[in-house]
Amino acid sequence: MLQKLNHRGMDAKKEQVLPLSRFVKQKRKQAGLTQIDLADKAGVGLRFVRELERDKPTLQMNKVNQVLMLFGYELGPVPMDRQKWIDEKG
C-alpha cells in the first residue's frame, strides 16, 4: 500500500513515495519518539500506532491524519498507475 504524502505548500511531485507505514515509522524515529510517545502526542491508542506501522489495510483516516499532523502532513489523493492496478487485480 503506497501513499504519497503531500506537505502543505510543497509540490507533491518532489516528495518521495513511501509506504505509509514506513513513512510514519521513519518520522517517529527521526523525532526520537517511541510508539507510546507518538500515541500520546497524537491522541490515539498504542494499538493504532502499531497497526499503522505494520501497514494494516483498514485504518480510520481521521486517526491517520491525527498522527500525520504531528509531522506536518495529511492524507490526500495522488496520481497512480491505473493500468498496473488493473493488471494486478487480474
Protein backbone atom coordinates (compact mmCIF):
# COMPACT_ATOMS: atom_id res chain seq x y z
CA MET A 1 0.00 0.00 0.00
CA LEU A 2 1.77 3.13 -1.18
CA GLN A 3 0.63 6.58 -0.18
CA LYS A 4 2.21 9.77 -1.47
CA LEU A 5 2.08 12.27 1.33
CA ASN A 6 1.72 15.93 0.44
CA HIS A 7 3.29 18.53 2.69
CA ARG A 8 1.20 21.68 2.81
CA GLY A 9 2.53 24.30 0.47
CA MET A 10 5.03 22.00 -1.26
CA ASP A 11 4.98 20.45 -4.70
CA ALA A 12 3.87 16.83 -4.17
CA LYS A 13 5.90 15.66 -7.19
CA LYS A 14 9.15 16.47 -5.40
CA GLU A 15 8.40 14.21 -2.45
CA GLN A 16 9.43 10.59 -2.23
CA VAL A 17 6.71 7.94 -2.36
CA LEU A 18 6.91 5.66 0.67
CA PRO A 19 4.56 3.13 2.16
CA LEU A 20 2.57 4.95 4.83
CA SER A 21 3.83 2.55 7.49
CA ARG A 22 7.47 3.23 6.66
CA PHE A 23 6.89 6.98 6.45
CA VAL A 24 5.34 7.15 9.92
CA LYS A 25 7.98 4.92 11.49
CA GLN A 26 10.77 6.94 9.87
CA LYS A 27 9.29 10.26 11.04
CA ARG A 28 8.70 8.89 14.54
CA LYS A 29 12.29 7.72 14.87
CA GLN A 30 13.66 10.99 13.45
CA ALA A 31 11.69 12.81 16.15
CA GLY A 32 13.11 10.50 18.81
CA LEU A 33 9.70 9.19 19.80
CA THR A 34 8.67 5.74 20.95
CA GLN A 35 5.40 4.28 19.74
CA ILE A 36 3.95 5.14 23.17
CA ASP A 37 5.14 8.75 22.86
CA LEU A 38 3.64 9.06 19.38
CA ALA A 39 0.32 7.61 20.52
CA ASP A 40 0.16 10.06 23.45
CA LYS A 41 1.10 13.11 21.39
CA ALA A 42 -1.32 12.23 18.55
CA GLY A 43 -4.19 11.32 20.87
CA VAL A 44 -4.53 7.79 19.51
CA GLY A 45 -4.03 4.41 21.10
CA LEU A 46 -0.80 2.46 21.12
CA ARG A 47 -2.52 -0.37 19.25
CA PHE A 48 -3.43 2.06 16.46
CA VAL A 49 0.19 3.22 16.09
CA ARG A 50 1.38 -0.38 15.96
CA GLU A 51 -1.22 -1.28 13.32
CA LEU A 52 -0.31 1.83 11.30
CA GLU A 53 3.39 0.92 11.35
CA ARG A 54 2.54 -2.66 10.34
CA ASP A 55 0.59 -1.47 7.28
CA LYS A 56 -2.86 -2.60 8.38
CA PRO A 57 -5.06 -2.07 5.30
CA THR A 58 -8.11 -0.80 7.21
CA LEU A 59 -7.39 2.25 9.36
CA GLN A 60 -9.54 5.25 10.21
CA MET A 61 -8.44 8.19 8.07
CA ASN A 62 -9.12 10.73 10.81
CA LYS A 63 -6.78 8.89 13.17
CA VAL A 64 -4.12 8.57 10.47
CA ASN A 65 -4.37 12.33 9.98
CA GLN A 66 -4.01 12.90 13.73
CA VAL A 67 -0.66 11.11 13.56
CA LEU A 68 0.46 12.75 10.32
CA MET A 69 -0.37 16.25 11.57
CA LEU A 70 2.39 15.92 14.18
CA PHE A 71 4.85 15.82 11.28
CA GLY A 72 3.13 18.49 9.17
CA TYR A 73 1.40 16.11 6.76
CA GLU A 74 -2.09 14.91 5.88
CA LEU A 75 -3.62 12.23 3.68
CA GLY A 76 -4.51 13.23 0.16
CA PRO A 77 -5.18 11.82 -3.30
CA VAL A 78 -2.20 11.14 -5.52
CA PRO A 79 -1.88 10.01 -9.13
CA MET A 80 -1.41 6.30 -9.65
CA ASP A 81 -0.61 3.87 -12.45
CA ARG A 82 -4.17 2.72 -13.15
CA GLN A 83 -3.13 0.11 -15.70
CA LYS A 84 -0.73 -1.50 -13.22
CA TRP A 85 -3.55 -1.65 -10.65
CA ILE A 86 -5.90 -3.25 -13.20
CA ASP A 87 -3.24 -5.78 -14.19
CA GLU A 88 -2.62 -6.71 -10.53
CA LYS A 89 -6.36 -7.24 -9.90
CA GLY A 90 -6.48 -9.65 -12.83
